[in-house]
Amino acid sequence: MKVPLQDWAEMHYKPAPSAWVLRKWVREGEIYPPPEKVGVSYYVETHAKRINAQRPTLLDRLMAE
């Protein structure tokens, strides 16, 4: 199930990062699985995780599922 990016952030962080920071994470590929852009909004899987590496490794991708 996909939820808006801001809702996902509120589920995982207290307080949630700003919209600017969340969009930066999306641009830099730090959220896996990657959010989907619909119109002007991003939607992300509820189980998605922030990955600090430039690109997720195979192990990161397998552990996220």
PDB file of N, CA and C in Angstrom:
ATOM      1  N   MET A   1       0.847  -1.174   0.000  1.00  0.00           N
ATOM      2  CA  MET A   1       0.000   0.000   0.000  1.00  0.00           C
ATOM      3  C   MET A   1       0.900   1.247   0.000  1.00  0.00           C
ATOM      4  N   LYS A   2       0.573   2.187  -0.855  1.00  0.00           N
ATOM      5  CA  LYS A   2       1.365   3.415  -0.929  1.00  0.00           C
ATOM      6  C   LYS A   2       0.622   4.548  -0.231  1.00  0.00           C
ATOM      7  N   VAL A   3       1.406   5.367   0.454  1.00  0.00           N
ATOM      8  CA  VAL A   3       0.866   6.522   1.175  1.00  0.00           C
ATOM      9  C   VAL A   3       1.637   7.763   0.729  1.00  0.00           C
ATOM     10  N   PRO A   4       1.055   8.951   0.940  1.00  0.00           N
ATOM     11  CA  PRO A   4       1.807  10.168   0.600  1.00  0.00           C
ATOM     12  C   PRO A   4       3.129  10.222   1.374  1.00  0.00           C
ATOM     13  N   LEU A   5       4.130  10.808   0.752  1.00  0.00           N
ATOM     14  CA  LEU A   5       5.473  10.866   1.339  1.00  0.00           C
ATOM     15  C   LEU A   5       5.460  11.492   2.729  1.00  0.00           C
ATOM     16  N   GLN A   6       4.714  12.565   2.915  1.00  0.00           N
ATOM     17  CA  GLN A   6       4.658  13.231   4.220  1.00  0.00           C
ATOM     18  C   GLN A   6       4.055  12.307   5.284  1.00  0.00           C
ATOM     19  N   ASP A   7       3.013  11.527   4.928  1.00  0.00           N
ATOM     20  CA  ASP A   7       2.417  10.582   5.876  1.00  0.00           C
ATOM     21  C   ASP A   7       3.419   9.505   6.264  1.00  0.00           C
ATOM     22  N   TRP A   8       4.184   9.014   5.272  1.00  0.00           N
ATOM     23  CA  TRP A   8       5.217   8.015   5.551  1.00  0.00           C
ATOM     24  C   TRP A   8       6.240   8.572   6.537  1.00  0.00           C
ATOM     25  N   ALA A   9       6.660   9.822   6.313  1.00  0.00           N
ATOM     26  CA  ALA A   9       7.649  10.448   7.193  1.00  0.00           C
ATOM     27  C   ALA A   9       7.105  10.572   8.612  1.00  0.00           C
ATOM     28  N   GLU A  10       5.838  10.909   8.746  1.00  0.00           N
ATOM     29  CA  GLU A  10       5.235  11.043  10.079  1.00  0.00           C
ATOM     30  C   GLU A  10       5.143   9.701  10.794  1.00  0.00           C
ATOM     31  N   MET A  11       5.040   8.595  10.033  1.00  0.00           N
ATOM     32  CA  MET A  11       5.003   7.249  10.633  1.00  0.00           C
ATOM     33  C   MET A  11       6.377   6.833  11.149  1.00  0.00           C
ATOM     34  N   HIS A  12       7.445   7.317  10.500  1.00  0.00           N
ATOM     35  CA  HIS A  12       8.794   6.835  10.801  1.00  0.00           C
ATOM     36  C   HIS A  12       9.662   7.808  11.588  1.00  0.00           C
ATOM     37  N   TYR A  13       9.301   9.070  11.621  1.00  0.00           N
ATOM     38  CA  TYR A  13      10.128  10.078  12.294  1.00  0.00           C
ATOM     39  C   TYR A  13       9.266  10.978  13.156  1.00  0.00           C
ATOM     40  N   LYS A  14       9.758  11.303  14.346  1.00  0.00           N
ATOM     41  CA  LYS A  14       9.102  12.250  15.252  1.00  0.00           C
ATOM     42  C   LYS A  14      10.123  13.276  15.676  1.00  0.00           C
ATOM     43  N   PRO A  15      10.047  14.518  15.283  1.00  0.00           N
ATOM     44  CA  PRO A  15       9.127  15.105  14.306  1.00  0.00           C
ATOM     45  C   PRO A  15       9.538  14.725  12.896  1.00  0.00           C
ATOM     46  N   ALA A  16       8.591  14.782  11.987  1.00  0.00           N
ATOM     47  CA  ALA A  16       8.851  14.421  10.592  1.00  0.00           C
ATOM     48  C   ALA A  16       9.738  15.488   9.931  1.00  0.00           C
ATOM     49  N   PRO A  17      10.632  15.069   9.048  1.00  0.00           N
ATOM     50  CA  PRO A  17      11.445  16.043   8.312  1.00  0.00           C
ATOM     51  C   PRO A  17      10.557  16.938   7.437  1.00  0.00           C
ATOM     52  N   SER A  18      11.086  18.067   7.059  1.00  0.00           N
ATOM     53  CA  SER A  18      10.331  19.003   6.221  1.00  0.00           C
ATOM     54  C   SER A  18      10.124  18.409   4.822  1.00  0.00           C
ATOM     55  N   ALA A  19       9.170  18.969   4.102  1.00  0.00           N
ATOM     56  CA  ALA A  19       8.896  18.521   2.736  1.00  0.00           C
ATOM     57  C   ALA A  19      10.135  18.698   1.863  1.00  0.00           C
ATOM     58  N   TRP A  20      10.897  19.769   2.076  1.00  0.00           N
ATOM     59  CA  TRP A  20      12.110  20.012   1.306  1.00  0.00           C
ATOM     60  C   TRP A  20      13.111  18.872   1.493  1.00  0.00           C
ATOM     61  N   VAL A  21      13.310  18.448   2.739  1.00  0.00           N
ATOM     62  CA  VAL A  21      14.255  17.361   3.041  1.00  0.00           C
ATOM     63  C   VAL A  21      13.766  16.058   2.426  1.00  0.00           C
ATOM     64  N   LEU A  22      12.474  15.792   2.523  1.00  0.00           N
ATOM     65  CA  LEU A  22      11.926  14.560   1.950  1.00  0.00           C
ATOM     66  C   LEU A  22      12.123  14.520   0.436  1.00  0.00           C
ATOM     67  N   ARG A  23      11.873  15.630  -0.249  1.00  0.00           N
ATOM     68  CA  ARG A  23      12.074  15.679  -1.696  1.00  0.00           C
ATOM     69  C   ARG A  23      13.557  15.505  -2.047  1.00  0.00           C
ATOM     70  N   LYS A  24      14.451  16.033  -1.202  1.00  0.00           N
ATOM     71  CA  LYS A  24      15.891  15.857  -1.407  1.00  0.00           C
ATOM     72  C   LYS A  24      16.253  14.378  -1.309  1.00  0.00           C
ATOM     73  N   TRP A  25      15.704  13.684  -0.304  1.00  0.00           N
ATOM     74  CA  TRP A  25      15.952  12.251  -0.161  1.00  0.00           C
ATOM     75  C   TRP A  25      15.481  11.494  -1.397  1.00  0.00           C
ATOM     76  N   VAL A  26      14.320  11.885  -1.935  1.00  0.00           N
ATOM     77  CA  VAL A  26      13.806  11.229  -3.140  1.00  0.00           C
ATOM     78  C   VAL A  26      14.751  11.468  -4.306  1.00  0.00           C
ATOM     79  N   ARG A  27      15.159  12.714  -4.530  1.00  0.00           N
ATOM     80  CA  ARG A  27      16.064  13.050  -5.642  1.00  0.00           C
ATOM     81  C   ARG A  27      17.380  12.288  -5.564  1.00  0.00           C
ATOM     82  N   GLU A  28      17.876  12.113  -4.341  1.00  0.00           N
ATOM     83  CA  GLU A  28      19.178  11.464  -4.157  1.00  0.00           C
ATOM     84  C   GLU A  28      19.074   9.949  -4.017  1.00  0.00           C
ATOM     85  N   GLY A  29      17.871   9.395  -4.170  1.00  0.00           N
ATOM     86  CA  GLY A  29      17.693   7.946  -4.132  1.00  0.00           C
ATOM     87  C   GLY A  29      17.890   7.342  -2.757  1.00  0.00           C
ATOM     88  N   GLU A  30      17.577   8.090  -1.710  1.00  0.00           N
ATOM     89  CA  GLU A  30      17.811   7.606  -0.346  1.00  0.00           C
ATOM     90  C   GLU A  30      16.615   6.866   0.248  1.00  0.00           C
ATOM     91  N   ILE A  31      15.542   6.703  -0.500  1.00  0.00           N
ATOM     92  CA  ILE A  31      14.381   5.959  -0.010  1.00  0.00           C
ATOM     93  C   ILE A  31      14.194   4.749  -0.898  1.00  0.00           C
ATOM     94  N   TYR A  32      14.113   3.561  -0.277  1.00  0.00           N
ATOM     95  CA  TYR A  32      13.936   2.324  -1.033  1.00  0.00           C
ATOM     96  C   TYR A  32      12.799   1.515  -0.438  1.00  0.00           C
ATOM     97  N   PRO A  33      11.878   1.001  -1.252  1.00  0.00           N
ATOM     98  CA  PRO A  33      11.770   1.196  -2.679  1.00  0.00           C
ATOM     99  C   PRO A  33      11.461   2.646  -3.026  1.00  0.00           C
ATOM    100  N   PRO A  34      11.871   3.090  -4.209  1.00  0.00           N
ATOM    101  CA  PRO A  34      11.726   4.500  -4.570  1.00  0.00           C
ATOM    102  C   PRO A  34      10.267   4.939  -4.608  1.00  0.00           C
ATOM    103  N   PRO A  35       9.980   6.148  -4.154  1.00  0.00           N
ATOM    104  CA  PRO A  35       8.625   6.682  -4.245  1.00  0.00           C
ATOM    105  C   PRO A  35       8.193   6.872  -5.696  1.00  0.00           C
ATOM    106  N   GLU A  36       6.883   6.848  -5.897  1.00  0.00           N
ATOM    107  CA  GLU A  36       6.301   7.051  -7.218  1.00  0.00           C
ATOM    108  C   GLU A  36       5.712   8.462  -7.271  1.00  0.00           C
ATOM    109  N   LYS A  37       6.014   9.189  -8.330  1.00  0.00           N
ATOM    110  CA  LYS A  37       5.479  10.540  -8.472  1.00  0.00           C
ATOM    111  C   LYS A  37       4.163  10.459  -9.239  1.00  0.00           C
ATOM    112  N   VAL A  38       3.112  11.010  -8.644  1.00  0.00           N
ATOM    113  CA  VAL A  38       1.801  11.071  -9.277  1.00  0.00           C
ATOM    114  C   VAL A  38       1.399  12.540  -9.282  1.00  0.00           C
ATOM    115  N   GLY A  39       1.403  13.151 -10.464  1.00  0.00           N
ATOM    116  CA  GLY A  39       1.143  14.589 -10.538  1.00  0.00           C
ATOM    117  C   GLY A  39       2.279  15.348  -9.872  1.00  0.00           C
ATOM    118  N   VAL A  40       1.954  16.089  -8.807  1.00  0.00           N
ATOM    119  CA  VAL A  40       2.978  16.840  -8.082  1.00  0.00           C
ATOM    120  C   VAL A  40       3.322  16.197  -6.744  1.00  0.00           C
ATOM    121  N   SER A  41       2.710  15.033  -6.448  1.00  0.00           N
ATOM    122  CA  SER A  41       2.906  14.374  -5.151  1.00  0.00           C
ATOM    123  C   SER A  41       3.688  13.075  -5.300  1.00  0.00           C
ATOM    124  N   TYR A  42       4.386  12.711  -4.230  1.00  0.00           N
ATOM    125  CA  TYR A  42       5.093  11.443  -4.176  1.00  0.00           C
ATOM    126  C   TYR A  42       4.344  10.485  -3.264  1.00  0.00           C
ATOM    127  N   TYR A  43       4.289   9.204  -3.675  1.00  0.00           N
ATOM    128  CA  TYR A  43       3.680   8.154  -2.870  1.00  0.00           C
ATOM    129  C   TYR A  43       4.728   7.075  -2.664  1.00  0.00           C
ATOM    130  N   VAL A  44       4.757   6.529  -1.454  1.00  0.00           N
ATOM    131  CA  VAL A  44       5.794   5.571  -1.083  1.00  0.00           C
ATOM    132  C   VAL A  44       5.170   4.397  -0.346  1.00  0.00           C
ATOM    133  N   GLU A  45       5.784   3.230  -0.481  1.00  0.00           N
ATOM    134  CA  GLU A  45       5.317   2.041   0.240  1.00  0.00           C
ATOM    135  C   GLU A  45       5.460   2.277   1.738  1.00  0.00           C
ATOM    136  N   THR A  46       4.518   1.771   2.521  1.00  0.00           N
ATOM    137  CA  THR A  46       4.566   1.985   3.967  1.00  0.00           C
ATOM    138  C   THR A  46       5.796   1.343   4.600  1.00  0.00           C
ATOM    139  N   HIS A  47       6.315   0.267   3.997  1.00  0.00           N
ATOM    140  CA  HIS A  47       7.486  -0.422   4.564  1.00  0.00           C
ATOM    141  C   HIS A  47       8.813   0.130   4.035  1.00  0.00           C
ATOM    142  N   ALA A  48       8.774   1.196   3.248  1.00  0.00           N
ATOM    143  CA  ALA A  48      10.005   1.768   2.680  1.00  0.00           C
ATOM    144  C   ALA A  48      10.948   2.240   3.789  1.00  0.00           C
ATOM    145  N   LYS A  49      12.220   2.254   3.468  1.00  0.00           N
ATOM    146  CA  LYS A  49      13.237   2.664   4.427  1.00  0.00           C
ATOM    147  C   LYS A  49      14.154   3.697   3.785  1.00  0.00           C
ATOM    148  N   ARG A  50      14.740   4.527   4.622  1.00  0.00           N
ATOM    149  CA  ARG A  50      15.750   5.476   4.148  1.00  0.00           C
ATOM    150  C   ARG A  50      17.096   4.773   4.170  1.00  0.00           C
ATOM    151  N   ILE A  51      17.792   4.851   3.062  1.00  0.00           N
ATOM    152  CA  ILE A  51      19.107   4.242   2.924  1.00  0.00           C
ATOM    153  C   ILE A  51      20.087   5.371   2.683  1.00  0.00           C
ATOM    154  N   ASN A  52      21.107   5.489   3.509  1.00  0.00           N
ATOM    155  CA  ASN A  52      22.048   6.605   3.421  1.00  0.00           C
ATOM    156  C   ASN A  52      23.073   6.445   2.314  1.00  0.00           C
ATOM    157  N   ALA A  53      23.228   5.257   1.773  1.00  0.00           N
ATOM    158  CA  ALA A  53      24.218   5.036   0.710  1.00  0.00           C
ATOM    159  C   ALA A  53      23.743   5.684  -0.585  1.00  0.00           C
ATOM    160  N   GLN A  54      24.678   5.890  -1.509  1.00  0.00           N
ATOM    161  CA  GLN A  54      24.328   6.475  -2.799  1.00  0.00           C
ATOM    162  C   GLN A  54      23.326   5.583  -3.532  1.00  0.00           C
ATOM    163  N   ARG A  55      23.614   4.294  -3.607  1.00  0.00           N
ATOM    164  CA  ARG A  55      22.699   3.341  -4.238  1.00  0.00           C
ATOM    165  C   ARG A  55      22.537   2.175  -3.277  1.00  0.00           C
ATOM    166  N   PRO A  56      21.312   1.667  -3.153  1.00  0.00           N
ATOM    167  CA  PRO A  56      21.129   0.518  -2.275  1.00  0.00           C
ATOM    168  C   PRO A  56      21.849  -0.717  -2.826  1.00  0.00           C
ATOM    169  N   THR A  57      22.459  -1.464  -1.940  1.00  0.00           N
ATOM    170  CA  THR A  57      23.117  -2.696  -2.347  1.00  0.00           C
ATOM    171  C   THR A  57      22.056  -3.775  -2.522  1.00  0.00           C
ATOM    172  N   LEU A  58      22.456  -4.882  -3.091  1.00  0.00           N
ATOM    173  CA  LEU A  58      21.528  -5.995  -3.258  1.00  0.00           C
ATOM    174  C   LEU A  58      20.999  -6.439  -1.901  1.00  0.00           C
ATOM    175  N   LEU A  59      21.862  -6.484  -0.900  1.00  0.00           N
ATOM    176  CA  LEU A  59      21.431  -6.879   0.443  1.00  0.00           C
ATOM    177  C   LEU A  59      20.385  -5.897   0.994  1.00  0.00           C
ATOM    178  N   ASP A  60      20.597  -4.600   0.804  1.00  0.00           N
ATOM    179  CA  ASP A  60      19.622  -3.601   1.257  1.00  0.00           C
ATOM    180  C   ASP A  60      18.275  -3.822   0.592  1.00  0.00           C
ATOM    181  N   ARG A  61      18.295  -4.072  -0.723  1.00  0.00           N
ATOM    182  CA  ARG A  61      17.036  -4.274  -1.450  1.00  0.00           C
ATOM    183  C   ARG A  61      16.314  -5.526  -0.979  1.00  0.00           C
ATOM    184  N   LEU A  62      17.063  -6.592  -0.711  1.00  0.00           N
ATOM    185  CA  LEU A  62      16.437  -7.829  -0.241  1.00  0.00           C
ATOM    186  C   LEU A  62      15.889  -7.673   1.174  1.00  0.00           C
ATOM    187  N   MET A  63      16.607  -6.961   2.035  1.00  0.00           N
ATOM    188  CA  MET A  63      16.158  -6.773   3.412  1.00  0.00           C
ATOM    189  C   MET A  63      14.931  -5.858   3.489  1.00  0.00           C
ATOM    190  N   ALA A  64      14.765  -4.948   2.515  1.00  0.00           N
ATOM    191  CA  ALA A  64      13.643  -4.009   2.526  1.00  0.00           C
ATOM    192  C   ALA A  64      12.327  -4.716   2.153  1.00  0.00           C
ATOM    193  N   GLU A  65      12.399  -5.871   1.528  1.00  0.00           N
ATOM    194  CA  GLU A  65      11.175  -6.551   1.092  1.00  0.00           C
ATOM    195  C   GLU A  65      10.606  -7.432   2.132  1.00  0.00           C
TER     196      GLU A  65
END
